[in-house]
Amino acid sequence: MFAKLTPERIGDNFKRLIKESKYGTQEEFAYAAAVDVRTVRRWSQRLDSISNIAHVARVLEVDVMALLE
């Protein structure tokens, strides 16, 4: 059975992908994504905007589905 997709689960995937990426930290990701680190911290708790999900995927150089799994 598939796990329920929630903004919180997407945020968890986001945190994991940052750690696995060339950025390694939320601060380095924030700089690369041209957003405030507070925004990244908020996204890591709850990522629910499709435009933000697409932006995050572009910066991380992953498919959007990597965030939605």
PDB file of N, CA and C in Angstrom:
ATOM      1  N   MET A   1       0.840  -1.183   0.000  1.00  0.00           N
ATOM      2  CA  MET A   1       0.000   0.000   0.000  1.00  0.00           C
ATOM      3  C   MET A   1       0.886   1.248   0.000  1.00  0.00           C
ATOM      4  N   PHE A   2       0.459   2.259  -0.721  1.00  0.00           N
ATOM      5  CA  PHE A   2       1.215   3.499  -0.801  1.00  0.00           C
ATOM      6  C   PHE A   2       1.013   4.336   0.454  1.00  0.00           C
ATOM      7  N   ALA A   3       2.092   4.986   0.880  1.00  0.00           N
ATOM      8  CA  ALA A   3       1.995   5.909   2.012  1.00  0.00           C
ATOM      9  C   ALA A   3       1.249   7.153   1.546  1.00  0.00           C
ATOM     10  N   LYS A   4       0.507   7.746   2.456  1.00  0.00           N
ATOM     11  CA  LYS A   4      -0.250   8.949   2.120  1.00  0.00           C
ATOM     12  C   LYS A   4       0.706  10.109   1.876  1.00  0.00           C
ATOM     13  N   LEU A   5       0.518  10.759   0.744  1.00  0.00           N
ATOM     14  CA  LEU A   5       1.350  11.909   0.391  1.00  0.00           C
ATOM     15  C   LEU A   5       0.823  13.146   1.104  1.00  0.00           C
ATOM     16  N   THR A   6       1.653  13.740   1.942  1.00  0.00           N
ATOM     17  CA  THR A   6       1.278  14.938   2.683  1.00  0.00           C
ATOM     18  C   THR A   6       2.373  15.982   2.499  1.00  0.00           C
ATOM     19  N   PRO A   7       2.059  17.254   2.744  1.00  0.00           N
ATOM     20  CA  PRO A   7       3.098  18.291   2.684  1.00  0.00           C
ATOM     21  C   PRO A   7       4.252  18.004   3.649  1.00  0.00           C
ATOM     22  N   GLU A   8       3.934  17.389   4.778  1.00  0.00           N
ATOM     23  CA  GLU A   8       4.982  17.051   5.744  1.00  0.00           C
ATOM     24  C   GLU A   8       5.911  15.971   5.194  1.00  0.00           C
ATOM     25  N   ARG A   9       5.334  14.972   4.516  1.00  0.00           N
ATOM     26  CA  ARG A   9       6.148  13.903   3.913  1.00  0.00           C
ATOM     27  C   ARG A   9       7.044  14.476   2.807  1.00  0.00           C
ATOM     28  N   ILE A  10       6.506  15.391   2.019  1.00  0.00           N
ATOM     29  CA  ILE A  10       7.308  16.038   0.979  1.00  0.00           C
ATOM     30  C   ILE A  10       8.449  16.812   1.633  1.00  0.00           C
ATOM     31  N   GLY A  11       8.170  17.493   2.745  1.00  0.00           N
ATOM     32  CA  GLY A  11       9.210  18.202   3.486  1.00  0.00           C
ATOM     33  C   GLY A  11      10.301  17.258   3.968  1.00  0.00           C
ATOM     34  N   ASP A  12       9.908  16.074   4.441  1.00  0.00           N
ATOM     35  CA  ASP A  12      10.892  15.071   4.872  1.00  0.00           C
ATOM     36  C   ASP A  12      11.764  14.629   3.702  1.00  0.00           C
ATOM     37  N   ASN A  13      11.142  14.401   2.547  1.00  0.00           N
ATOM     38  CA  ASN A  13      11.907  14.029   1.351  1.00  0.00           C
ATOM     39  C   ASN A  13      12.870  15.150   0.962  1.00  0.00           C
ATOM     40  N   PHE A  14      12.406  16.383   1.085  1.00  0.00           N
ATOM     41  CA  PHE A  14      13.223  17.556   0.784  1.00  0.00           C
ATOM     42  C   PHE A  14      14.468  17.579   1.669  1.00  0.00           C
ATOM     43  N   LYS A  15      14.292  17.385   2.974  1.00  0.00           N
ATOM     44  CA  LYS A  15      15.442  17.375   3.896  1.00  0.00           C
ATOM     45  C   LYS A  15      16.434  16.278   3.518  1.00  0.00           C
ATOM     46  N   ARG A  16      15.914  15.088   3.210  1.00  0.00           N
ATOM     47  CA  ARG A  16      16.781  13.970   2.841  1.00  0.00           C
ATOM     48  C   ARG A  16      17.553  14.283   1.556  1.00  0.00           C
ATOM     49  N   LEU A  17      16.869  14.840   0.567  1.00  0.00           N
ATOM     50  CA  LEU A  17      17.522  15.149  -0.700  1.00  0.00           C
ATOM     51  C   LEU A  17      18.592  16.227  -0.549  1.00  0.00           C
ATOM     52  N   ILE A  18      18.378  17.187   0.321  1.00  0.00           N
ATOM     53  CA  ILE A  18      19.409  18.201   0.569  1.00  0.00           C
ATOM     54  C   ILE A  18      20.662  17.531   1.122  1.00  0.00           C
ATOM     55  N   LYS A  19      20.478  16.669   2.105  1.00  0.00           N
ATOM     56  CA  LYS A  19      21.626  15.982   2.716  1.00  0.00           C
ATOM     57  C   LYS A  19      22.392  15.139   1.709  1.00  0.00           C
ATOM     58  N   GLU A  20      21.667  14.544   0.758  1.00  0.00           N
ATOM     59  CA  GLU A  20      22.286  13.694  -0.250  1.00  0.00           C
ATOM     60  C   GLU A  20      22.862  14.493  -1.426  1.00  0.00           C
ATOM     61  N   SER A  21      22.538  15.767  -1.498  1.00  0.00           N
ATOM     62  CA  SER A  21      22.946  16.593  -2.634  1.00  0.00           C
ATOM     63  C   SER A  21      24.333  17.197  -2.432  1.00  0.00           C
ATOM     64  N   LYS A  22      24.776  17.933  -3.433  1.00  0.00           N
ATOM     65  CA  LYS A  22      26.061  18.627  -3.344  1.00  0.00           C
ATOM     66  C   LYS A  22      26.022  19.769  -2.342  1.00  0.00           C
ATOM     67  N   TYR A  23      24.822  20.172  -1.906  1.00  0.00           N
ATOM     68  CA  TYR A  23      24.703  21.287  -0.974  1.00  0.00           C
ATOM     69  C   TYR A  23      24.937  20.841   0.462  1.00  0.00           C
ATOM     70  N   GLY A  24      24.357  19.719   0.845  1.00  0.00           N
ATOM     71  CA  GLY A  24      24.610  19.144   2.156  1.00  0.00           C
ATOM     72  C   GLY A  24      23.893  19.787   3.324  1.00  0.00           C
ATOM     73  N   THR A  25      23.708  21.095   3.281  1.00  0.00           N
ATOM     74  CA  THR A  25      23.031  21.783   4.385  1.00  0.00           C
ATOM     75  C   THR A  25      21.917  22.670   3.843  1.00  0.00           C
ATOM     76  N   GLN A  26      20.986  22.981   4.726  1.00  0.00           N
ATOM     77  CA  GLN A  26      19.899  23.873   4.338  1.00  0.00           C
ATOM     78  C   GLN A  26      20.421  25.260   4.004  1.00  0.00           C
ATOM     79  N   GLU A  27      21.457  25.700   4.701  1.00  0.00           N
ATOM     80  CA  GLU A  27      22.025  27.027   4.444  1.00  0.00           C
ATOM     81  C   GLU A  27      22.625  27.109   3.042  1.00  0.00           C
ATOM     82  N   GLU A  28      23.384  26.087   2.660  1.00  0.00           N
ATOM     83  CA  GLU A  28      23.981  26.087   1.326  1.00  0.00           C
ATOM     84  C   GLU A  28      22.911  25.966   0.249  1.00  0.00           C
ATOM     85  N   PHE A  29      21.891  25.169   0.509  1.00  0.00           N
ATOM     86  CA  PHE A  29      20.794  25.056  -0.446  1.00  0.00           C
ATOM     87  C   PHE A  29      20.086  26.402  -0.592  1.00  0.00           C
ATOM     88  N   ALA A  30      19.830  27.086   0.517  1.00  0.00           N
ATOM     89  CA  ALA A  30      19.148  28.383   0.474  1.00  0.00           C
ATOM     90  C   ALA A  30      19.909  29.364  -0.402  1.00  0.00           C
ATOM     91  N   TYR A  31      21.222  29.385  -0.252  1.00  0.00           N
ATOM     92  CA  TYR A  31      22.040  30.280  -1.069  1.00  0.00           C
ATOM     93  C   TYR A  31      21.888  29.936  -2.550  1.00  0.00           C
ATOM     94  N   ALA A  32      21.981  28.655  -2.878  1.00  0.00           N
ATOM     95  CA  ALA A  32      21.877  28.223  -4.282  1.00  0.00           C
ATOM     96  C   ALA A  32      20.489  28.482  -4.853  1.00  0.00           C
ATOM     97  N   ALA A  33      19.475  28.362  -4.016  1.00  0.00           N
ATOM     98  CA  ALA A  33      18.094  28.545  -4.471  1.00  0.00           C
ATOM     99  C   ALA A  33      17.661  30.012  -4.439  1.00  0.00           C
ATOM    100  N   ALA A  34      18.524  30.875  -3.934  1.00  0.00           N
ATOM    101  CA  ALA A  34      18.239  32.314  -3.849  1.00  0.00           C
ATOM    102  C   ALA A  34      17.010  32.600  -2.986  1.00  0.00           C
ATOM    103  N   VAL A  35      16.940  31.883  -1.856  1.00  0.00           N
ATOM    104  CA  VAL A  35      15.873  32.128  -0.890  1.00  0.00           C
ATOM    105  C   VAL A  35      16.496  32.249   0.498  1.00  0.00           C
ATOM    106  N   ASP A  36      15.750  32.820   1.415  1.00  0.00           N
ATOM    107  CA  ASP A  36      16.211  32.954   2.785  1.00  0.00           C
ATOM    108  C   ASP A  36      16.248  31.575   3.449  1.00  0.00           C
ATOM    109  N   VAL A  37      17.205  31.370   4.327  1.00  0.00           N
ATOM    110  CA  VAL A  37      17.317  30.085   5.015  1.00  0.00           C
ATOM    111  C   VAL A  37      16.067  29.793   5.846  1.00  0.00           C
ATOM    112  N   ARG A  38      15.377  30.818   6.315  1.00  0.00           N
ATOM    113  CA  ARG A  38      14.124  30.605   7.049  1.00  0.00           C
ATOM    114  C   ARG A  38      13.064  29.984   6.146  1.00  0.00           C
ATOM    115  N   THR A  39      13.082  30.357   4.876  1.00  0.00           N
ATOM    116  CA  THR A  39      12.153  29.765   3.921  1.00  0.00           C
ATOM    117  C   THR A  39      12.448  28.282   3.753  1.00  0.00           C
ATOM    118  N   VAL A  40      13.719  27.938   3.630  1.00  0.00           N
ATOM    119  CA  VAL A  40      14.110  26.533   3.489  1.00  0.00           C
ATOM    120  C   VAL A  40      13.696  25.754   4.731  1.00  0.00           C
ATOM    121  N   ARG A  41      13.885  26.319   5.892  1.00  0.00           N
ATOM    122  CA  ARG A  41      13.478  25.639   7.134  1.00  0.00           C
ATOM    123  C   ARG A  41      11.968  25.421   7.164  1.00  0.00           C
ATOM    124  N   ARG A  42      11.218  26.383   6.684  1.00  0.00           N
ATOM    125  CA  ARG A  42       9.760  26.244   6.624  1.00  0.00           C
ATOM    126  C   ARG A  42       9.384  25.143   5.632  1.00  0.00           C
ATOM    127  N   TRP A  43      10.051  25.141   4.466  1.00  0.00           N
ATOM    128  CA  TRP A  43       9.786  24.104   3.476  1.00  0.00           C
ATOM    129  C   TRP A  43      10.112  22.721   4.017  1.00  0.00           C
ATOM    130  N   SER A  44      11.144  22.617   4.834  1.00  0.00           N
ATOM    131  CA  SER A  44      11.529  21.304   5.354  1.00  0.00           C
ATOM    132  C   SER A  44      10.486  20.760   6.336  1.00  0.00           C
ATOM    133  N   GLN A  45       9.632  21.630   6.842  1.00  0.00           N
ATOM    134  CA  GLN A  45       8.538  21.197   7.709  1.00  0.00           C
ATOM    135  C   GLN A  45       7.271  20.895   6.917  1.00  0.00           C
ATOM    136  N   ARG A  46       7.075  21.668   5.838  1.00  0.00           N
ATOM    137  CA  ARG A  46       5.827  21.541   5.077  1.00  0.00           C
ATOM    138  C   ARG A  46       6.023  22.175   3.701  1.00  0.00           C
ATOM    139  N   LEU A  47       6.176  21.341   2.708  1.00  0.00           N
ATOM    140  CA  LEU A  47       6.360  21.832   1.341  1.00  0.00           C
ATOM    141  C   LEU A  47       5.086  21.501   0.572  1.00  0.00           C
ATOM    142  N   ASP A  48       4.272  22.525   0.278  1.00  0.00           N
ATOM    143  CA  ASP A  48       2.957  22.231  -0.304  1.00  0.00           C
ATOM    144  C   ASP A  48       2.598  23.027  -1.561  1.00  0.00           C
ATOM    145  N   SER A  49       3.433  23.921  -1.982  1.00  0.00           N
ATOM    146  CA  SER A  49       3.155  24.703  -3.186  1.00  0.00           C
ATOM    147  C   SER A  49       3.826  24.035  -4.381  1.00  0.00           C
ATOM    148  N   ILE A  50       3.066  23.788  -5.430  1.00  0.00           N
ATOM    149  CA  ILE A  50       3.616  23.112  -6.610  1.00  0.00           C
ATOM    150  C   ILE A  50       4.741  23.932  -7.235  1.00  0.00           C
ATOM    151  N   SER A  51       4.629  25.255  -7.199  1.00  0.00           N
ATOM    152  CA  SER A  51       5.702  26.076  -7.773  1.00  0.00           C
ATOM    153  C   SER A  51       6.975  25.951  -6.936  1.00  0.00           C
ATOM    154  N   ASN A  52       6.833  25.881  -5.605  1.00  0.00           N
ATOM    155  CA  ASN A  52       8.011  25.692  -4.749  1.00  0.00           C
ATOM    156  C   ASN A  52       8.606  24.301  -4.932  1.00  0.00           C
ATOM    157  N   ILE A  53       7.752  23.290  -5.069  1.00  0.00           N
ATOM    158  CA  ILE A  53       8.237  21.926  -5.305  1.00  0.00           C
ATOM    159  C   ILE A  53       9.031  21.887  -6.601  1.00  0.00           C
ATOM    160  N   ALA A  54       8.530  22.523  -7.639  1.00  0.00           N
ATOM    161  CA  ALA A  54       9.228  22.549  -8.932  1.00  0.00           C
ATOM    162  C   ALA A  54      10.559  23.289  -8.804  1.00  0.00           C
ATOM    163  N   HIS A  55      10.573  24.402  -8.090  1.00  0.00           N
ATOM    164  CA  HIS A  55      11.807  25.180  -7.897  1.00  0.00           C
ATOM    165  C   HIS A  55      12.843  24.348  -7.139  1.00  0.00           C
ATOM    166  N   VAL A  56      12.423  23.703  -6.068  1.00  0.00           N
ATOM    167  CA  VAL A  56      13.314  22.865  -5.271  1.00  0.00           C
ATOM    168  C   VAL A  56      13.894  21.742  -6.137  1.00  0.00           C
ATOM    169  N   ALA A  57      13.051  21.091  -6.926  1.00  0.00           N
ATOM    170  CA  ALA A  57      13.521  20.006  -7.792  1.00  0.00           C
ATOM    171  C   ALA A  57      14.555  20.504  -8.794  1.00  0.00           C
ATOM    172  N   ARG A  58      14.323  21.684  -9.370  1.00  0.00           N
ATOM    173  CA  ARG A  58      15.284  22.250 -10.330  1.00  0.00           C
ATOM    174  C   ARG A  58      16.633  22.497  -9.668  1.00  0.00           C
ATOM    175  N   VAL A  59      16.622  23.112  -8.498  1.00  0.00           N
ATOM    176  CA  VAL A  59      17.875  23.429  -7.809  1.00  0.00           C
ATOM    177  C   VAL A  59      18.601  22.154  -7.394  1.00  0.00           C
ATOM    178  N   LEU A  60      17.855  21.172  -6.914  1.00  0.00           N
ATOM    179  CA  LEU A  60      18.470  19.906  -6.502  1.00  0.00           C
ATOM    180  C   LEU A  60      18.844  19.012  -7.686  1.00  0.00           C
ATOM    181  N   GLU A  61      18.378  19.407  -8.879  1.00  0.00           N
ATOM    182  CA  GLU A  61      18.638  18.648 -10.095  1.00  0.00           C
ATOM    183  C   GLU A  61      18.080  17.233  -9.991  1.00  0.00           C
ATOM    184  N   VAL A  62      16.814  17.161  -9.506  1.00  0.00           N
ATOM    185  CA  VAL A  62      16.102  15.887  -9.417  1.00  0.00           C
ATOM    186  C   VAL A  62      14.745  16.046 -10.074  1.00  0.00           C
ATOM    187  N   ASP A  63      14.136  14.925 -10.376  1.00  0.00           N
ATOM    188  CA  ASP A  63      12.786  14.918 -10.896  1.00  0.00           C
ATOM    189  C   ASP A  63      11.817  15.272  -9.759  1.00  0.00           C
ATOM    190  N   VAL A  64      10.752  15.938 -10.070  1.00  0.00           N
ATOM    191  CA  VAL A  64       9.746  16.299  -9.068  1.00  0.00           C
ATOM    192  C   VAL A  64       9.278  15.059  -8.301  1.00  0.00           C
ATOM    193  N   MET A  65       9.225  13.933  -8.969  1.00  0.00           N
ATOM    194  CA  MET A  65       8.756  12.707  -8.327  1.00  0.00           C
ATOM    195  C   MET A  65       9.648  12.293  -7.150  1.00  0.00           C
ATOM    196  N   ALA A  66      10.911  12.693  -7.145  1.00  0.00           N
ATOM    197  CA  ALA A  66      11.797  12.383  -6.029  1.00  0.00           C
ATOM    198  C   ALA A  66      11.288  13.025  -4.740  1.00  0.00           C
ATOM    199  N   LEU A  67      10.628  14.159  -4.867  1.00  0.00           N
ATOM    200  CA  LEU A  67      10.060  14.828  -3.700  1.00  0.00           C
ATOM    201  C   LEU A  67       8.712  14.233  -3.316  1.00  0.00           C
ATOM    202  N   LEU A  68       8.021  13.669  -4.291  1.00  0.00           N
ATOM    203  CA  LEU A  68       6.666  13.185  -4.062  1.00  0.00           C
ATOM    204  C   LEU A  68       6.596  11.712  -3.675  1.00  0.00           C
ATOM    205  N   GLU A  69       7.717  11.028  -3.658  1.00  0.00           N
ATOM    206  CA  GLU A  69       7.711   9.596  -3.321  1.00  0.00           C
ATOM    207  C   GLU A  69       7.447   9.373  -1.861  1.00  0.00           C
TER     208      GLU A  69
END
